């Protein structure tokens, strides 16, 4: 319900009474605090857990990593990865996905790629979310060819690209004024049975409009409606 402070108060009220506090209770409040960007409060609760000999787990660290990432403290977020390994708590795919995504959004794709190597050494198999973040990162720094290569690579590795994978690439191509490649990729995803969403349509419609291909953009808007995708305000502005 978003009543994080009430949750914190509840921890104090029930301690030593009917039930014993455990990591699940702490994790619930820590996660909520981190999502509210109250990372200092979450960090204090983490130390309170340790002081009470309640062992943090991978969920605790994932919440803290996410929280510090969204407030822009990537160095602190990354330090938790080392800390959890020292405590013999093994990071999972979610741990790495959070960090890779945050690094890529900062344009630090090289460090994100290095983290992918660490991830594999730890025996954690990257999923489509991790690869999508990397593709998005490459597109952000205008290295769309590397993103395209990654899209082909993950398919050969047995990771199935999803609608977001294609949307990232289509948007990346359109930003680089490679509208023909974007259109080709759009057709490819449709042939593979991956239904484009509003983001996919908006990216390609925007690219077509900017390249002066208004009639093609109009046809795509009609197709969007025919496929049950409702135009949002961005689509209307483009059209």
C-alpha atoms as a PDB file:
ATOM      1  CA  UNK A   1       0.000   0.000   0.000  1.00  0.00           C
ATOM      2  CA  UNK A   2       3.038   2.277   0.072  1.00  0.00           C
ATOM      3  CA  UNK A   3       2.826   2.810   3.834  1.00  0.00           C
ATOM      4  CA  UNK A   4       6.521   2.113   4.386  1.00  0.00           C
ATOM      5  CA  UNK A   5       6.822   4.140   7.595  1.00  0.00           C
ATOM      6  CA  UNK A   6       3.946   2.198   9.116  1.00  0.00           C
ATOM      7  CA  UNK A   7       5.777  -0.995   8.185  1.00  0.00           C
ATOM      8  CA  UNK A   8       8.897   0.239   9.972  1.00  0.00           C
ATOM      9  CA  UNK A   9       6.854   1.053  13.075  1.00  0.00           C
ATOM     10  CA  UNK A  10       5.306  -2.411  12.966  1.00  0.00           C
ATOM     11  CA  UNK A  11       8.779  -3.986  13.138  1.00  0.00           C
ATOM     12  CA  UNK A  12       9.366  -2.192  16.442  1.00  0.00           C
ATOM     13  CA  UNK A  13       5.955  -3.105  17.829  1.00  0.00           C
ATOM     14  CA  UNK A  14       6.150  -6.846  17.203  1.00  0.00           C
ATOM     15  CA  UNK A  15       9.792  -7.352  18.198  1.00  0.00           C
ATOM     16  CA  UNK A  16      10.102  -9.708  21.172  1.00  0.00           C
ATOM     17  CA  UNK A  17       6.354 -10.243  21.384  1.00  0.00           C
ATOM     18  CA  UNK A  18       4.319 -12.804  19.476  1.00  0.00           C
ATOM     19  CA  UNK A  19       6.890 -13.563  16.783  1.00  0.00           C
ATOM     20  CA  UNK A  20      10.618 -13.309  16.249  1.00  0.00           C
ATOM     21  CA  UNK A  21      11.761 -10.847  13.604  1.00  0.00           C
ATOM     22  CA  UNK A  22      13.331 -12.510  10.569  1.00  0.00           C
ATOM     23  CA  UNK A  23      14.962 -11.585   7.248  1.00  0.00           C
ATOM     24  CA  UNK A  24      11.638 -11.693   5.373  1.00  0.00           C
ATOM     25  CA  UNK A  25      10.171  -8.922   7.538  1.00  0.00           C
ATOM     26  CA  UNK A  26      13.303  -6.799   7.227  1.00  0.00           C
ATOM     27  CA  UNK A  27      13.583  -7.433   3.496  1.00  0.00           C
ATOM     28  CA  UNK A  28      10.004  -6.282   2.966  1.00  0.00           C
ATOM     29  CA  UNK A  29      10.649  -2.923   4.635  1.00  0.00           C
ATOM     30  CA  UNK A  30      14.149  -2.494   3.140  1.00  0.00           C
ATOM     31  CA  UNK A  31      12.793  -3.148  -0.353  1.00  0.00           C
ATOM     32  CA  UNK A  32       9.990  -0.617   0.113  1.00  0.00           C
ATOM     33  CA  UNK A  33      12.381   2.013   1.483  1.00  0.00           C
ATOM     34  CA  UNK A  34      14.725   1.507  -1.461  1.00  0.00           C
ATOM     35  CA  UNK A  35      11.888   1.875  -3.959  1.00  0.00           C
ATOM     36  CA  UNK A  36      10.961   5.111  -2.155  1.00  0.00           C
ATOM     37  CA  UNK A  37      14.627   6.202  -2.556  1.00  0.00           C
ATOM     38  CA  UNK A  38      15.056   6.295   1.221  1.00  0.00           C
ATOM     39  CA  UNK A  39      18.329   4.407   0.903  1.00  0.00           C
ATOM     40  CA  UNK A  40      19.942   5.714   4.094  1.00  0.00           C
ATOM     41  CA  UNK A  41      17.023   4.415   6.170  1.00  0.00           C
ATOM     42  CA  UNK A  42      17.230   1.096   4.333  1.00  0.00           C
ATOM     43  CA  UNK A  43      20.971   0.910   5.019  1.00  0.00           C
ATOM     44  CA  UNK A  44      20.364   1.526   8.737  1.00  0.00           C
ATOM     45  CA  UNK A  45      17.872  -1.327   8.814  1.00  0.00           C
ATOM     46  CA  UNK A  46      20.454  -3.540   7.122  1.00  0.00           C
ATOM     47  CA  UNK A  47      22.913  -2.822   9.967  1.00  0.00           C
ATOM     48  CA  UNK A  48      20.122  -3.379  12.486  1.00  0.00           C
ATOM     49  CA  UNK A  49      19.559  -6.825  10.982  1.00  0.00           C
ATOM     50  CA  UNK A  50      23.221  -7.705  11.393  1.00  0.00           C
ATOM     51  CA  UNK A  51      23.312  -6.354  14.964  1.00  0.00           C
ATOM     52  CA  UNK A  52      20.381  -8.637  15.817  1.00  0.00           C
ATOM     53  CA  UNK A  53      22.124 -11.583  14.140  1.00  0.00           C
ATOM     54  CA  UNK A  54      19.527 -11.817  11.404  1.00  0.00           C
ATOM     55  CA  UNK A  55      21.469 -12.787   8.300  1.00  0.00           C
ATOM     56  CA  UNK A  56      20.821 -10.744   5.148  1.00  0.00           C
ATOM     57  CA  UNK A  57      20.248 -12.775   1.995  1.00  0.00           C
ATOM     58  CA  UNK A  58      20.365 -12.160  -1.761  1.00  0.00           C
ATOM     59  CA  UNK A  59      16.977 -10.402  -1.595  1.00  0.00           C
ATOM     60  CA  UNK A  60      18.327  -7.924   0.968  1.00  0.00           C
ATOM     61  CA  UNK A  61      21.318  -7.078  -1.194  1.00  0.00           C
ATOM     62  CA  UNK A  62      19.309  -6.892  -4.432  1.00  0.00           C
ATOM     63  CA  UNK A  63      17.000  -4.336  -2.807  1.00  0.00           C
ATOM     64  CA  UNK A  64      19.923  -2.262  -1.542  1.00  0.00           C
ATOM     65  CA  UNK A  65      21.730  -2.442  -4.895  1.00  0.00           C
ATOM     66  CA  UNK A  66      18.570  -1.323  -6.704  1.00  0.00           C
ATOM     67  CA  UNK A  67      17.977   1.505  -4.241  1.00  0.00           C
ATOM     68  CA  UNK A  68      21.479   2.937  -4.482  1.00  0.00           C
ATOM     69  CA  UNK A  69      21.391   2.584  -8.277  1.00  0.00           C
ATOM     70  CA  UNK A  70      18.203   4.617  -8.667  1.00  0.00           C
ATOM     71  CA  UNK A  71      19.611   7.434  -6.538  1.00  0.00           C
ATOM     72  CA  UNK A  72      22.736   7.494  -8.698  1.00  0.00           C
ATOM     73  CA  UNK A  73      25.175   6.014  -6.162  1.00  0.00           C
ATOM     74  CA  UNK A  74      26.552   3.309  -8.455  1.00  0.00           C
ATOM     75  CA  UNK A  75      29.874   2.985  -6.635  1.00  0.00           C
ATOM     76  CA  UNK A  76      28.074   2.174  -3.395  1.00  0.00           C
ATOM     77  CA  UNK A  77      25.705  -0.180  -5.210  1.00  0.00           C
ATOM     78  CA  UNK A  78      28.659  -2.028  -6.751  1.00  0.00           C
ATOM     79  CA  UNK A  79      30.327  -2.360  -3.346  1.00  0.00           C
ATOM     80  CA  UNK A  80      27.414  -4.492  -2.167  1.00  0.00           C
ATOM     81  CA  UNK A  81      28.341  -7.099  -4.791  1.00  0.00           C
ATOM     82  CA  UNK A  82      31.744  -7.547  -3.144  1.00  0.00           C
ATOM     83  CA  UNK A  83      30.197  -7.487   0.316  1.00  0.00           C
ATOM     84  CA  UNK A  84      27.711 -10.234  -0.434  1.00  0.00           C
ATOM     85  CA  UNK A  85      30.432 -12.428  -1.918  1.00  0.00           C
ATOM     86  CA  UNK A  86      32.526 -11.966   1.244  1.00  0.00           C
ATOM     87  CA  UNK A  87      29.494 -13.172   3.217  1.00  0.00           C
ATOM     88  CA  UNK A  88      29.201 -16.217   0.901  1.00  0.00           C
ATOM     89  CA  UNK A  89      25.872 -14.957  -0.416  1.00  0.00           C
ATOM     90  CA  UNK A  90      25.781 -15.779  -4.101  1.00  0.00           C
ATOM     91  CA  UNK A  91      24.430 -13.088  -6.449  1.00  0.00           C
ATOM     92  CA  UNK A  92      21.685 -14.157  -8.830  1.00  0.00           C
ATOM     93  CA  UNK A  93      20.704 -12.964 -12.295  1.00  0.00           C
ATOM     94  CA  UNK A  94      18.621 -10.174 -10.743  1.00  0.00           C
ATOM     95  CA  UNK A  95      21.676  -8.819  -8.878  1.00  0.00           C
ATOM     96  CA  UNK A  96      23.680  -8.491 -12.074  1.00  0.00           C
ATOM     97  CA  UNK A  97      20.717  -7.274 -14.139  1.00  0.00           C
ATOM     98  CA  UNK A  98      20.191  -4.309 -11.779  1.00  0.00           C
ATOM     99  CA  UNK A  99      23.861  -3.281 -11.951  1.00  0.00           C
ATOM    100  CA  UNK A 100      24.220  -3.809 -15.709  1.00  0.00           C
ATOM    101  CA  UNK A 101      21.102  -1.746 -16.360  1.00  0.00           C
ATOM    102  CA  UNK A 102      22.290   1.092 -14.115  1.00  0.00           C
ATOM    103  CA  UNK A 103      25.759   1.175 -15.713  1.00  0.00           C
ATOM    104  CA  UNK A 104      24.302   1.164 -19.212  1.00  0.00           C
ATOM    105  CA  UNK A 105      21.936   4.020 -18.413  1.00  0.00           C
ATOM    106  CA  UNK A 106      25.013   5.991 -17.352  1.00  0.00           C
ATOM    107  CA  UNK A 107      26.615   5.172 -20.701  1.00  0.00           C
ATOM    108  CA  UNK A 108      29.261   3.031 -19.023  1.00  0.00           C
ATOM    109  CA  UNK A 109      28.842   0.063 -21.336  1.00  0.00           C
ATOM    110  CA  UNK A 110      32.448  -1.095 -21.016  1.00  0.00           C
ATOM    111  CA  UNK A 111      32.089  -1.655 -17.270  1.00  0.00           C
ATOM    112  CA  UNK A 112      28.695  -3.294 -17.825  1.00  0.00           C
ATOM    113  CA  UNK A 113      30.299  -5.697 -20.306  1.00  0.00           C
ATOM    114  CA  UNK A 114      33.036  -6.480 -17.757  1.00  0.00           C
ATOM    115  CA  UNK A 115      30.301  -7.251 -15.237  1.00  0.00           C
ATOM    116  CA  UNK A 116      28.808  -9.689 -17.728  1.00  0.00           C
ATOM    117  CA  UNK A 117      32.142 -11.563 -17.719  1.00  0.00           C
ATOM    118  CA  UNK A 118      32.119 -11.664 -13.895  1.00  0.00           C
ATOM    119  CA  UNK A 119      28.548 -12.891 -14.007  1.00  0.00           C
ATOM    120  CA  UNK A 120      29.446 -15.816 -16.259  1.00  0.00           C
ATOM    121  CA  UNK A 121      32.501 -16.685 -14.154  1.00  0.00           C
ATOM    122  CA  UNK A 122      30.181 -16.926 -11.157  1.00  0.00           C
ATOM    123  CA  UNK A 123      28.068 -19.412 -13.104  1.00  0.00           C
ATOM    124  CA  UNK A 124      25.091 -17.049 -13.429  1.00  0.00           C
ATOM    125  CA  UNK A 125      23.518 -17.303 -16.889  1.00  0.00           C
ATOM    126  CA  UNK A 126      22.509 -13.910 -18.347  1.00  0.00           C
ATOM    127  CA  UNK A 127      18.876 -13.613 -19.364  1.00  0.00           C
ATOM    128  CA  UNK A 128      17.152 -11.452 -21.965  1.00  0.00           C
ATOM    129  CA  UNK A 129      16.814  -8.580 -19.453  1.00  0.00           C
ATOM    130  CA  UNK A 130      20.606  -8.344 -19.056  1.00  0.00           C
ATOM    131  CA  UNK A 131      21.200  -8.458 -22.803  1.00  0.00           C
ATOM    132  CA  UNK A 132      18.470  -5.879 -23.426  1.00  0.00           C
ATOM    133  CA  UNK A 133      20.189  -3.511 -21.007  1.00  0.00           C
ATOM    134  CA  UNK A 134      23.478  -3.931 -22.847  1.00  0.00           C
ATOM    135  CA  UNK A 135      21.842  -3.351 -26.236  1.00  0.00           C
ATOM    136  CA  UNK A 136      20.153  -0.245 -24.854  1.00  0.00           C
ATOM    137  CA  UNK A 137      23.513   0.929 -23.516  1.00  0.00           C
ATOM    138  CA  UNK A 138      25.208   0.496 -26.878  1.00  0.00           C
ATOM    139  CA  UNK A 139      22.401   2.409 -28.590  1.00  0.00           C
ATOM    140  CA  UNK A 140      22.708   5.169 -25.992  1.00  0.00           C
ATOM    141  CA  UNK A 141      26.373   5.697 -26.906  1.00  0.00           C
ATOM    142  CA  UNK A 142      25.569   5.447 -30.645  1.00  0.00           C
ATOM    143  CA  UNK A 143      27.213   2.043 -31.088  1.00  0.00           C
ATOM    144  CA  UNK A 144      24.143   0.563 -32.727  1.00  0.00           C
ATOM    145  CA  UNK A 145      26.184  -1.935 -34.764  1.00  0.00           C
ATOM    146  CA  UNK A 146      27.450  -3.542 -31.538  1.00  0.00           C
ATOM    147  CA  UNK A 147      23.880  -3.688 -30.271  1.00  0.00           C
ATOM    148  CA  UNK A 148      22.800  -5.344 -33.518  1.00  0.00           C
ATOM    149  CA  UNK A 149      25.614  -7.881 -33.192  1.00  0.00           C
ATOM    150  CA  UNK A 150      24.481  -8.672 -29.661  1.00  0.00           C
ATOM    151  CA  UNK A 151      20.911  -9.236 -30.848  1.00  0.00           C
ATOM    152  CA  UNK A 152      22.181 -11.854 -33.288  1.00  0.00           C
ATOM    153  CA  UNK A 153      24.520 -13.383 -30.699  1.00  0.00           C
ATOM    154  CA  UNK A 154      21.901 -13.957 -28.007  1.00  0.00           C
ATOM    155  CA  UNK A 155      19.656 -15.811 -30.460  1.00  0.00           C
ATOM    156  CA  UNK A 156      22.507 -18.209 -31.227  1.00  0.00           C
ATOM    157  CA  UNK A 157      23.090 -18.646 -27.486  1.00  0.00           C
ATOM    158  CA  UNK A 158      19.534 -19.839 -26.991  1.00  0.00           C
ATOM    159  CA  UNK A 159      18.197 -16.641 -25.409  1.00  0.00           C
ATOM    160  CA  UNK A 160      14.990 -15.621 -27.139  1.00  0.00           C
ATOM    161  CA  UNK A 161      14.747 -11.873 -27.882  1.00  0.00           C
ATOM    162  CA  UNK A 162      11.472 -10.310 -26.774  1.00  0.00           C
ATOM    163  CA  UNK A 163       9.465  -7.277 -27.846  1.00  0.00           C
ATOM    164  CA  UNK A 164      11.697  -4.997 -25.779  1.00  0.00           C
ATOM    165  CA  UNK A 165      14.819  -6.349 -27.518  1.00  0.00           C
ATOM    166  CA  UNK A 166      13.407  -5.352 -30.899  1.00  0.00           C
ATOM    167  CA  UNK A 167      12.005  -2.054 -29.632  1.00  0.00           C
ATOM    168  CA  UNK A 168      15.459  -1.061 -28.362  1.00  0.00           C
ATOM    169  CA  UNK A 169      17.051  -1.858 -31.717  1.00  0.00           C
ATOM    170  CA  UNK A 170      14.327  -0.184 -33.783  1.00  0.00           C
ATOM    171  CA  UNK A 171      14.602   2.953 -31.657  1.00  0.00           C
ATOM    172  CA  UNK A 172      18.399   2.835 -31.948  1.00  0.00           C
ATOM    173  CA  UNK A 173      18.302   2.536 -35.728  1.00  0.00           C
ATOM    174  CA  UNK A 174      15.771   5.353 -36.027  1.00  0.00           C
ATOM    175  CA  UNK A 175      17.926   7.663 -33.902  1.00  0.00           C
ATOM    176  CA  UNK A 176      20.816   6.980 -36.271  1.00  0.00           C
ATOM    177  CA  UNK A 177      18.500   7.687 -39.250  1.00  0.00           C
ATOM    178  CA  UNK A 178      18.767   4.046 -40.371  1.00  0.00           C
ATOM    179  CA  UNK A 179      15.038   3.782 -40.946  1.00  0.00           C
ATOM    180  CA  UNK A 180      15.271   1.030 -43.577  1.00  0.00           C
ATOM    181  CA  UNK A 181      17.073  -1.232 -41.093  1.00  0.00           C
ATOM    182  CA  UNK A 182      14.499  -0.352 -38.443  1.00  0.00           C
ATOM    183  CA  UNK A 183      11.662  -1.271 -40.828  1.00  0.00           C
ATOM    184  CA  UNK A 184      13.381  -4.516 -41.760  1.00  0.00           C
ATOM    185  CA  UNK A 185      13.765  -5.443 -38.088  1.00  0.00           C
ATOM    186  CA  UNK A 186      10.126  -4.570 -37.471  1.00  0.00           C
ATOM    187  CA  UNK A 187       9.097  -6.994 -40.216  1.00  0.00           C
ATOM    188  CA  UNK A 188      11.447  -9.628 -38.806  1.00  0.00           C
ATOM    189  CA  UNK A 189       9.881  -9.496 -35.356  1.00  0.00           C
ATOM    190  CA  UNK A 190       6.394  -9.758 -36.807  1.00  0.00           C
ATOM    191  CA  UNK A 191       7.436 -12.790 -38.878  1.00  0.00           C
ATOM    192  CA  UNK A 192       8.758 -14.403 -35.699  1.00  0.00           C
ATOM    193  CA  UNK A 193       5.381 -13.931 -34.026  1.00  0.00           C
ATOM    194  CA  UNK A 194       6.572 -11.195 -31.641  1.00  0.00           C
ATOM    195  CA  UNK A 195       3.812  -8.604 -31.478  1.00  0.00           C
ATOM    196  CA  UNK A 196       5.061  -4.987 -31.469  1.00  0.00           C
ATOM    197  CA  UNK A 197       3.810  -2.801 -28.644  1.00  0.00           C
ATOM    198  CA  UNK A 198       3.103   0.938 -28.469  1.00  0.00           C
ATOM    199  CA  UNK A 199       6.782   1.720 -27.827  1.00  0.00           C
ATOM    200  CA  UNK A 200       7.826  -0.225 -30.936  1.00  0.00           C
ATOM    201  CA  UNK A 201       5.253   1.508 -33.106  1.00  0.00           C
ATOM    202  CA  UNK A 202       6.089   4.960 -31.734  1.00  0.00           C
ATOM    203  CA  UNK A 203       9.798   4.500 -32.435  1.00  0.00           C
ATOM    204  CA  UNK A 204       9.280   3.444 -36.034  1.00  0.00           C
ATOM    205  CA  UNK A 205       6.516   5.979 -36.712  1.00  0.00           C
ATOM    206  CA  UNK A 206       8.796   8.709 -35.351  1.00  0.00           C
ATOM    207  CA  UNK A 207      11.676   7.538 -37.525  1.00  0.00           C
ATOM    208  CA  UNK A 208       9.499   7.437 -40.639  1.00  0.00           C
ATOM    209  CA  UNK A 209       8.113  10.924 -39.971  1.00  0.00           C
ATOM    210  CA  UNK A 210      11.570  12.414 -39.441  1.00  0.00           C
ATOM    211  CA  UNK A 211      12.755  10.879 -42.702  1.00  0.00           C
ATOM    212  CA  UNK A 212       9.806  12.426 -44.558  1.00  0.00           C
ATOM    213  CA  UNK A 213       7.981   9.141 -45.171  1.00  0.00           C
ATOM    214  CA  UNK A 214       4.681  10.405 -43.826  1.00  0.00           C
ATOM    215  CA  UNK A 215       2.463   8.079 -45.857  1.00  0.00           C
ATOM    216  CA  UNK A 216       4.329   5.024 -44.528  1.00  0.00           C
ATOM    217  CA  UNK A 217       3.980   6.361 -41.008  1.00  0.00           C
ATOM    218  CA  UNK A 218       0.235   6.808 -41.552  1.00  0.00           C
ATOM    219  CA  UNK A 219      -0.103   3.214 -42.738  1.00  0.00           C
ATOM    220  CA  UNK A 220       1.718   2.072 -39.636  1.00  0.00           C
ATOM    221  CA  UNK A 221      -0.702   4.004 -37.417  1.00  0.00           C
ATOM    222  CA  UNK A 222      -3.599   2.246 -39.175  1.00  0.00           C
ATOM    223  CA  UNK A 223      -1.857  -1.103 -38.739  1.00  0.00           C
ATOM    224  CA  UNK A 224      -1.320  -0.291 -35.091  1.00  0.00           C
ATOM    225  CA  UNK A 225      -5.046   0.254 -34.621  1.00  0.00           C
ATOM    226  CA  UNK A 226      -5.907  -2.898 -36.583  1.00  0.00           C
ATOM    227  CA  UNK A 227      -3.655  -4.923 -34.294  1.00  0.00           C
ATOM    228  CA  UNK A 228      -5.442  -3.626 -31.218  1.00  0.00           C
ATOM    229  CA  UNK A 229      -2.752  -1.166 -30.125  1.00  0.00           C
ATOM    230  CA  UNK A 230      -4.297   2.044 -28.869  1.00  0.00           C
ATOM    231  CA  UNK A 231      -2.487   5.193 -29.939  1.00  0.00           C
ATOM    232  CA  UNK A 232      -1.166   7.226 -27.024  1.00  0.00           C
ATOM    233  CA  UNK A 233      -0.542  10.977 -27.016  1.00  0.00           C
ATOM    234  CA  UNK A 234       2.962  10.472 -28.410  1.00  0.00           C
ATOM    235  CA  UNK A 235       1.620   8.565 -31.427  1.00  0.00           C
ATOM    236  CA  UNK A 236      -0.930  11.310 -32.076  1.00  0.00           C
ATOM    237  CA  UNK A 237       1.765  14.001 -31.908  1.00  0.00           C
ATOM    238  CA  UNK A 238       3.892  12.054 -34.393  1.00  0.00           C
ATOM    239  CA  UNK A 239       0.977  11.522 -36.712  1.00  0.00           C
END
